[in-house]
Amino acid sequence: MLVVEDDVTIAESIAARLRAEGFTVTVAHDGPAAVAADTDGDPDVLVLDVMLPGFDGLEVCRRVQARRPVPVLMLTARADETDLLVGLGVGADDYLTKPFSMRVLAARVHALLRRVERSTRAEAVAARIVLGDLEIDLDRRLVARAGVAAQLTPIEFDLLVHLARRPRAVQHRERLLSEVWDWETHGNASGTRAVDSHVKALRRKLGADLIRTVHGVGYALEVGP
């Protein structure tokens, strides 16, 4: 696991908590060091601060995701929705706004890893989903529509697969948060914004007609045989 945070005290506190949870943790304090550490170690999860010297966490996320898909928990000192959407747009799976509790951070990291494990098990059951002109290769985590490939982030891919397993069925935002992100929802407004943001990204990459919005409820995948 890689923790990227320029504040040494915060970085060591996060690392200590995650090590207590049983993780092997590497720490980096700036953008270039983070990319180098990811390349050298291929960590399972990145805990990534947005504001970094060298270049920021958004650029770190872009570069890491361009090389390989990896779950990213982004840390931000700002609760501005634009920052959130940009972070999710470059490949972050989840985010926490400072200040946060170490207990919550550890729970989010565990949730990310459970999602990856669940996705891996599901891929072992069925290697391919084909719905109309949408093709999903689960083994290689590739997606194409009408023969045109799309590059999805790990969480976008998992959300698409989840919707594709029940085409045309409306799935509540809270259920998606629970089953794709493995979040405890309880009316989590920031979580539902994360769902909305990733749906927008899927529409942008695969077509605006791909997913239907049911206002006040959730989403349904509309392509099919």
C-alpha atoms as a PDB file:
ATOM      1  CA  MET A   1       0.000   0.000   0.000  1.00  0.00           C
ATOM      2  CA  LEU A   2       1.244   3.490  -0.849  1.00  0.00           C
ATOM      3  CA  VAL A   3       0.457   6.568   1.271  1.00  0.00           C
ATOM      4  CA  VAL A   4       1.181   9.886  -0.455  1.00  0.00           C
ATOM      5  CA  GLU A   5       0.967  12.937   1.820  1.00  0.00           C
ATOM      6  CA  ASP A   6       3.310  15.928   2.051  1.00  0.00           C
ATOM      7  CA  ASP A   7       2.615  16.559   5.732  1.00  0.00           C
ATOM      8  CA  VAL A   8       5.054  14.168   7.412  1.00  0.00           C
ATOM      9  CA  THR A   9       3.051  13.953  10.655  1.00  0.00           C
ATOM     10  CA  ILE A  10      -0.191  13.101   8.869  1.00  0.00           C
ATOM     11  CA  ALA A  11       1.583  10.647   6.565  1.00  0.00           C
ATOM     12  CA  GLU A  12       3.145   8.760   9.452  1.00  0.00           C
ATOM     13  CA  SER A  13      -0.137   8.701  11.382  1.00  0.00           C
ATOM     14  CA  ILE A  14      -1.929   7.184   8.380  1.00  0.00           C
ATOM     15  CA  ALA A  15       0.888   4.707   7.802  1.00  0.00           C
ATOM     16  CA  ALA A  16       0.917   3.671  11.466  1.00  0.00           C
ATOM     17  CA  ARG A  17      -2.830   3.024  11.468  1.00  0.00           C
ATOM     18  CA  LEU A  18      -2.694   0.996   8.264  1.00  0.00           C
ATOM     19  CA  ARG A  19       0.284  -1.010   9.490  1.00  0.00           C
ATOM     20  CA  ALA A  20      -1.704  -1.760  12.640  1.00  0.00           C
ATOM     21  CA  GLU A  21      -4.419  -3.105  10.316  1.00  0.00           C
ATOM     22  CA  GLY A  22      -1.875  -5.535   8.864  1.00  0.00           C
ATOM     23  CA  PHE A  23      -0.862  -3.692   5.687  1.00  0.00           C
ATOM     24  CA  THR A  24       2.657  -3.210   4.370  1.00  0.00           C
ATOM     25  CA  VAL A  25       2.936   0.536   3.792  1.00  0.00           C
ATOM     26  CA  THR A  26       5.290   2.716   1.743  1.00  0.00           C
ATOM     27  CA  VAL A  27       5.199   6.519   2.181  1.00  0.00           C
ATOM     28  CA  ALA A  28       5.917   9.248  -0.390  1.00  0.00           C
ATOM     29  CA  HIS A  29       5.756  13.007   0.171  1.00  0.00           C
ATOM     30  CA  ASP A  30       5.559  14.498  -3.339  1.00  0.00           C
ATOM     31  CA  GLY A  31       4.198  13.763  -6.792  1.00  0.00           C
ATOM     32  CA  PRO A  32       7.330  12.441  -8.528  1.00  0.00           C
ATOM     33  CA  ALA A  33       8.230  10.226  -5.554  1.00  0.00           C
ATOM     34  CA  ALA A  34       4.677   8.830  -5.548  1.00  0.00           C
ATOM     35  CA  VAL A  35       4.807   7.835  -9.224  1.00  0.00           C
ATOM     36  CA  ALA A  36       8.241   6.275  -8.731  1.00  0.00           C
ATOM     37  CA  ALA A  37       7.059   4.320  -5.671  1.00  0.00           C
ATOM     38  CA  ASP A  38       4.014   3.047  -7.563  1.00  0.00           C
ATOM     39  CA  THR A  39       6.196   1.922 -10.476  1.00  0.00           C
ATOM     40  CA  ASP A  40       8.678   0.177  -8.177  1.00  0.00           C
ATOM     41  CA  GLY A  41       6.190  -1.495  -5.854  1.00  0.00           C
ATOM     42  CA  ASP A  42       2.822  -1.930  -7.622  1.00  0.00           C
ATOM     43  CA  PRO A  43       0.886  -1.304  -4.381  1.00  0.00           C
ATOM     44  CA  ASP A  44      -2.637  -2.708  -4.034  1.00  0.00           C
ATOM     45  CA  VAL A  45      -4.133   0.647  -2.948  1.00  0.00           C
ATOM     46  CA  LEU A  46      -3.060   4.301  -3.059  1.00  0.00           C
ATOM     47  CA  VAL A  47      -4.036   6.714  -0.280  1.00  0.00           C
ATOM     48  CA  LEU A  48      -3.365   9.951  -2.119  1.00  0.00           C
ATOM     49  CA  ASP A  49      -3.460  13.583  -0.983  1.00  0.00           C
ATOM     50  CA  VAL A  50      -4.531  16.120  -3.614  1.00  0.00           C
ATOM     51  CA  MET A  51      -2.166  18.961  -2.646  1.00  0.00           C
ATOM     52  CA  LEU A  52       1.431  17.805  -3.206  1.00  0.00           C
ATOM     53  CA  PRO A  53       4.728  19.434  -4.168  1.00  0.00           C
ATOM     54  CA  GLY A  54       6.268  18.554  -7.521  1.00  0.00           C
ATOM     55  CA  PHE A  55       2.906  17.869  -9.122  1.00  0.00           C
ATOM     56  CA  ASP A  56      -0.442  17.334  -7.441  1.00  0.00           C
ATOM     57  CA  GLY A  57      -2.347  14.205  -6.542  1.00  0.00           C
ATOM     58  CA  LEU A  58      -4.612  14.512  -9.579  1.00  0.00           C
ATOM     59  CA  GLU A  59      -1.596  14.211 -11.865  1.00  0.00           C
ATOM     60  CA  VAL A  60      -0.269  11.309  -9.792  1.00  0.00           C
ATOM     61  CA  CYS A  61      -3.620   9.577 -10.211  1.00  0.00           C
ATOM     62  CA  ARG A  62      -3.631  10.186 -13.983  1.00  0.00           C
ATOM     63  CA  ARG A  63      -0.146   8.754 -14.413  1.00  0.00           C
ATOM     64  CA  VAL A  64      -0.738   5.739 -12.192  1.00  0.00           C
ATOM     65  CA  GLN A  65      -4.055   4.838 -13.821  1.00  0.00           C
ATOM     66  CA  ALA A  66      -2.526   5.213 -17.293  1.00  0.00           C
ATOM     67  CA  ARG A  67      -0.001   2.511 -16.373  1.00  0.00           C
ATOM     68  CA  ARG A  68      -2.313   0.083 -14.551  1.00  0.00           C
ATOM     69  CA  PRO A  69      -5.688   0.050 -12.818  1.00  0.00           C
ATOM     70  CA  VAL A  70      -5.376   0.464  -9.050  1.00  0.00           C
ATOM     71  CA  PRO A  71      -7.852   1.552  -6.347  1.00  0.00           C
ATOM     72  CA  VAL A  72      -7.245   5.110  -5.153  1.00  0.00           C
ATOM     73  CA  LEU A  73      -8.556   6.765  -1.991  1.00  0.00           C
ATOM     74  CA  MET A  74      -8.065  10.496  -2.434  1.00  0.00           C
ATOM     75  CA  LEU A  75      -7.607  12.912   0.479  1.00  0.00           C
ATOM     76  CA  THR A  76      -8.594  16.545   0.082  1.00  0.00           C
ATOM     77  CA  ALA A  77      -8.646  19.562   2.357  1.00  0.00           C
ATOM     78  CA  ARG A  78     -11.473  21.052   0.309  1.00  0.00           C
ATOM     79  CA  ALA A  79     -15.066  19.874   0.172  1.00  0.00           C
ATOM     80  CA  ASP A  80     -15.773  21.716  -3.092  1.00  0.00           C
ATOM     81  CA  GLU A  81     -17.832  19.517  -5.420  1.00  0.00           C
ATOM     82  CA  THR A  82     -15.736  20.522  -8.440  1.00  0.00           C
ATOM     83  CA  ASP A  83     -12.617  19.134  -6.775  1.00  0.00           C
ATOM     84  CA  LEU A  84     -14.491  15.938  -6.001  1.00  0.00           C
ATOM     85  CA  LEU A  85     -15.672  15.504  -9.584  1.00  0.00           C
ATOM     86  CA  VAL A  86     -12.193  16.166 -10.987  1.00  0.00           C
ATOM     87  CA  GLY A  87     -10.683  13.617  -8.613  1.00  0.00           C
ATOM     88  CA  LEU A  88     -13.218  10.959  -9.533  1.00  0.00           C
ATOM     89  CA  GLY A  89     -12.805  11.839 -13.183  1.00  0.00           C
ATOM     90  CA  VAL A  90      -9.079  11.061 -13.211  1.00  0.00           C
ATOM     91  CA  GLY A  91      -9.564   7.648 -11.652  1.00  0.00           C
ATOM     92  CA  ALA A  92     -10.035   7.983  -7.886  1.00  0.00           C
ATOM     93  CA  ASP A  93     -12.439   5.419  -6.451  1.00  0.00           C
ATOM     94  CA  ASP A  94     -13.234   7.119  -3.174  1.00  0.00           C
ATOM     95  CA  TYR A  95     -12.327  10.270  -1.249  1.00  0.00           C
ATOM     96  CA  LEU A  96     -12.154  11.672   2.264  1.00  0.00           C
ATOM     97  CA  THR A  97     -12.270  15.347   3.224  1.00  0.00           C
ATOM     98  CA  LYS A  98      -9.835  16.507   5.903  1.00  0.00           C
ATOM     99  CA  PRO A  99     -10.039  16.315   8.837  1.00  0.00           C
ATOM    100  CA  PHE A 100     -11.051  12.645   8.948  1.00  0.00           C
ATOM    101  CA  SER A 101     -10.881   9.883  11.504  1.00  0.00           C
ATOM    102  CA  MET A 102      -8.264   7.164  11.086  1.00  0.00           C
ATOM    103  CA  ARG A 103     -10.977   4.612  11.814  1.00  0.00           C
ATOM    104  CA  VAL A 104     -13.003   5.828   8.842  1.00  0.00           C
ATOM    105  CA  LEU A 105      -9.928   5.882   6.615  1.00  0.00           C
ATOM    106  CA  ALA A 106      -9.067   2.285   7.531  1.00  0.00           C
ATOM    107  CA  ALA A 107     -12.664   1.224   6.897  1.00  0.00           C
ATOM    108  CA  ARG A 108     -12.625   2.847   3.442  1.00  0.00           C
ATOM    109  CA  VAL A 109      -9.359   1.087   2.545  1.00  0.00           C
ATOM    110  CA  HIS A 110     -10.795  -2.268   3.596  1.00  0.00           C
ATOM    111  CA  ALA A 111     -13.907  -1.516   1.529  1.00  0.00           C
ATOM    112  CA  LEU A 112     -11.803  -0.814  -1.558  1.00  0.00           C
ATOM    113  CA  LEU A 113      -9.971  -4.107  -1.161  1.00  0.00           C
ATOM    114  CA  ARG A 114     -13.205  -6.051  -0.607  1.00  0.00           C
ATOM    115  CA  ARG A 115     -14.565  -4.549  -3.831  1.00  0.00           C
ATOM    116  CA  VAL A 116     -11.489  -5.680  -5.751  1.00  0.00           C
ATOM    117  CA  GLU A 117     -11.723  -9.186  -4.283  1.00  0.00           C
ATOM    118  CA  ARG A 118     -15.445  -9.401  -5.057  1.00  0.00           C
ATOM    119  CA  SER A 119     -14.841  -8.216  -8.616  1.00  0.00           C
ATOM    120  CA  THR A 120     -12.118 -10.837  -9.090  1.00  0.00           C
ATOM    121  CA  ARG A 121     -14.438 -13.616  -7.893  1.00  0.00           C
ATOM    122  CA  ALA A 122     -17.216 -12.445 -10.209  1.00  0.00           C
ATOM    123  CA  GLU A 123     -14.844 -12.409 -13.172  1.00  0.00           C
ATOM    124  CA  ALA A 124     -13.940 -16.037 -12.489  1.00  0.00           C
ATOM    125  CA  VAL A 125     -17.607 -17.027 -12.898  1.00  0.00           C
ATOM    126  CA  ALA A 126     -18.257 -15.383 -16.271  1.00  0.00           C
ATOM    127  CA  ALA A 127     -15.558 -14.173 -18.636  1.00  0.00           C
ATOM    128  CA  ARG A 128     -17.709 -12.005 -20.911  1.00  0.00           C
ATOM    129  CA  ILE A 129     -20.923  -9.987 -20.965  1.00  0.00           C
ATOM    130  CA  VAL A 130     -22.504  -9.013 -24.290  1.00  0.00           C
ATOM    131  CA  LEU A 131     -25.583  -6.778 -24.337  1.00  0.00           C
ATOM    132  CA  GLY A 132     -26.494  -5.471 -27.766  1.00  0.00           C
ATOM    133  CA  ASP A 133     -23.473  -3.521 -29.012  1.00  0.00           C
ATOM    134  CA  LEU A 134     -21.872  -3.401 -25.544  1.00  0.00           C
ATOM    135  CA  GLU A 135     -19.098  -5.942 -24.930  1.00  0.00           C
ATOM    136  CA  ILE A 136     -17.416  -6.410 -21.559  1.00  0.00           C
ATOM    137  CA  ASP A 137     -14.380  -8.678 -21.291  1.00  0.00           C
ATOM    138  CA  LEU A 138     -14.171  -9.509 -17.600  1.00  0.00           C
ATOM    139  CA  ASP A 139     -10.878 -11.393 -17.750  1.00  0.00           C
ATOM    140  CA  ARG A 140      -8.989  -8.512 -19.347  1.00  0.00           C
ATOM    141  CA  ARG A 141     -11.229  -5.753 -17.936  1.00  0.00           C
ATOM    142  CA  LEU A 142     -11.873  -4.322 -21.400  1.00  0.00           C
ATOM    143  CA  VAL A 143     -15.018  -2.589 -22.646  1.00  0.00           C
ATOM    144  CA  ALA A 144     -16.164  -1.707 -26.152  1.00  0.00           C
ATOM    145  CA  ARG A 145     -19.363  -0.349 -27.622  1.00  0.00           C
ATOM    146  CA  ALA A 146     -20.136  -0.807 -31.321  1.00  0.00           C
ATOM    147  CA  GLY A 147     -16.580  -2.048 -31.689  1.00  0.00           C
ATOM    148  CA  VAL A 148     -15.021   1.102 -30.211  1.00  0.00           C
ATOM    149  CA  ALA A 149     -12.906   0.487 -27.113  1.00  0.00           C
ATOM    150  CA  ALA A 150     -13.284   2.699 -24.045  1.00  0.00           C
ATOM    151  CA  GLN A 151     -10.735   3.188 -21.294  1.00  0.00           C
ATOM    152  CA  LEU A 152     -12.479   2.969 -17.931  1.00  0.00           C
ATOM    153  CA  THR A 153     -11.137   3.485 -14.442  1.00  0.00           C
ATOM    154  CA  PRO A 154     -11.411   0.486 -12.074  1.00  0.00           C
ATOM    155  CA  ILE A 155     -14.500   1.840 -10.320  1.00  0.00           C
ATOM    156  CA  GLU A 156     -16.171   2.795 -13.618  1.00  0.00           C
ATOM    157  CA  PHE A 157     -15.606  -0.741 -14.878  1.00  0.00           C
ATOM    158  CA  ASP A 158     -17.025  -2.306 -11.715  1.00  0.00           C
ATOM    159  CA  LEU A 159     -20.065  -0.015 -11.781  1.00  0.00           C
ATOM    160  CA  LEU A 160     -20.739  -0.868 -15.435  1.00  0.00           C
ATOM    161  CA  VAL A 161     -20.452  -4.602 -14.748  1.00  0.00           C
ATOM    162  CA  HIS A 162     -22.804  -4.299 -11.790  1.00  0.00           C
ATOM    163  CA  LEU A 163     -25.427  -2.537 -13.910  1.00  0.00           C
ATOM    164  CA  ALA A 164     -24.866  -4.946 -16.819  1.00  0.00           C
ATOM    165  CA  ARG A 165     -25.599  -7.996 -14.683  1.00  0.00           C
ATOM    166  CA  ARG A 166     -29.195  -6.729 -14.356  1.00  0.00           C
ATOM    167  CA  PRO A 167     -29.909  -4.837 -17.593  1.00  0.00           C
ATOM    168  CA  ARG A 168     -32.947  -2.516 -17.556  1.00  0.00           C
ATOM    169  CA  ALA A 169     -33.447  -3.090 -13.809  1.00  0.00           C
ATOM    170  CA  VAL A 170     -33.444   0.161 -11.826  1.00  0.00           C
ATOM    171  CA  GLN A 171     -30.774   0.109  -9.134  1.00  0.00           C
ATOM    172  CA  HIS A 172     -30.956   2.558  -6.246  1.00  0.00           C
ATOM    173  CA  ARG A 173     -27.999   4.852  -5.641  1.00  0.00           C
ATOM    174  CA  GLU A 174     -27.735   3.575  -2.068  1.00  0.00           C
ATOM    175  CA  ARG A 175     -27.614  -0.017  -3.312  1.00  0.00           C
ATOM    176  CA  LEU A 176     -24.904   0.851  -5.804  1.00  0.00           C
ATOM    177  CA  LEU A 177     -22.880   2.527  -3.050  1.00  0.00           C
ATOM    178  CA  SER A 178     -23.271  -0.538  -0.872  1.00  0.00           C
ATOM    179  CA  GLU A 179     -22.573  -3.192  -3.504  1.00  0.00           C
ATOM    180  CA  VAL A 180     -20.021  -1.472  -5.764  1.00  0.00           C
ATOM    181  CA  TRP A 181     -18.212   0.821  -3.306  1.00  0.00           C
ATOM    182  CA  ASP A 182     -18.992  -1.305  -0.225  1.00  0.00           C
ATOM    183  CA  TRP A 183     -20.005   1.838   1.658  1.00  0.00           C
ATOM    184  CA  GLU A 184     -22.415   2.069   4.542  1.00  0.00           C
ATOM    185  CA  THR A 185     -24.789   4.666   3.106  1.00  0.00           C
ATOM    186  CA  HIS A 186     -27.290   5.952   5.687  1.00  0.00           C
ATOM    187  CA  GLY A 187     -28.199   8.940   3.530  1.00  0.00           C
ATOM    188  CA  ASN A 188     -24.608   9.713   2.548  1.00  0.00           C
ATOM    189  CA  ALA A 189     -25.041  12.689   0.187  1.00  0.00           C
ATOM    190  CA  SER A 190     -21.377  12.805  -0.809  1.00  0.00           C
ATOM    191  CA  GLY A 191     -21.562   9.133  -1.695  1.00  0.00           C
ATOM    192  CA  THR A 192     -24.542   9.584  -3.981  1.00  0.00           C
ATOM    193  CA  ARG A 193     -22.665  12.416  -5.722  1.00  0.00           C
ATOM    194  CA  ALA A 194     -19.856   9.934  -6.354  1.00  0.00           C
ATOM    195  CA  VAL A 195     -22.315   7.553  -8.016  1.00  0.00           C
ATOM    196  CA  ASP A 196     -23.711  10.373 -10.164  1.00  0.00           C
ATOM    197  CA  SER A 197     -20.208  11.430 -11.202  1.00  0.00           C
ATOM    198  CA  HIS A 198     -19.217   7.948 -12.327  1.00  0.00           C
ATOM    199  CA  VAL A 199     -22.459   7.493 -14.245  1.00  0.00           C
ATOM    200  CA  LYS A 200     -21.717  10.747 -16.081  1.00  0.00           C
ATOM    201  CA  ALA A 201     -18.249   9.425 -16.919  1.00  0.00           C
ATOM    202  CA  LEU A 202     -19.704   6.186 -18.321  1.00  0.00           C
ATOM    203  CA  ARG A 203     -22.144   8.146 -20.471  1.00  0.00           C
ATOM    204  CA  ARG A 204     -19.340  10.346 -21.749  1.00  0.00           C
ATOM    205  CA  LYS A 205     -17.175   7.373 -22.678  1.00  0.00           C
ATOM    206  CA  LEU A 206     -19.826   4.925 -23.918  1.00  0.00           C
ATOM    207  CA  GLY A 207     -22.781   7.041 -25.017  1.00  0.00           C
ATOM    208  CA  ALA A 208     -25.406   9.236 -23.384  1.00  0.00           C
ATOM    209  CA  ASP A 209     -28.111   6.630 -24.047  1.00  0.00           C
ATOM    210  CA  LEU A 210     -26.278   3.891 -22.148  1.00  0.00           C
ATOM    211  CA  ILE A 211     -27.744   4.503 -18.688  1.00  0.00           C
ATOM    212  CA  ARG A 212     -31.224   5.775 -17.859  1.00  0.00           C
ATOM    213  CA  THR A 213     -31.796   8.036 -14.859  1.00  0.00           C
ATOM    214  CA  VAL A 214     -34.801   7.361 -12.681  1.00  0.00           C
ATOM    215  CA  HIS A 215     -35.060  10.640 -10.802  1.00  0.00           C
ATOM    216  CA  GLY A 216     -35.004  10.311  -7.048  1.00  0.00           C
ATOM    217  CA  VAL A 217     -34.224   6.592  -7.295  1.00  0.00           C
ATOM    218  CA  GLY A 218     -31.200   5.520  -9.303  1.00  0.00           C
ATOM    219  CA  TYR A 219     -30.040   4.179 -12.661  1.00  0.00           C
ATOM    220  CA  ALA A 220     -30.665   1.382 -15.162  1.00  0.00           C
ATOM    221  CA  LEU A 221     -28.527   0.094 -18.024  1.00  0.00           C
ATOM    222  CA  GLU A 222     -30.584   0.362 -21.207  1.00  0.00           C
ATOM    223  CA  VAL A 223     -28.604  -1.559 -23.838  1.00  0.00           C
ATOM    224  CA  GLY A 224     -29.566  -5.152 -24.433  1.00  0.00           C
ATOM    225  CA  PRO A 225     -30.004  -7.914 -26.988  1.00  0.00           C
END
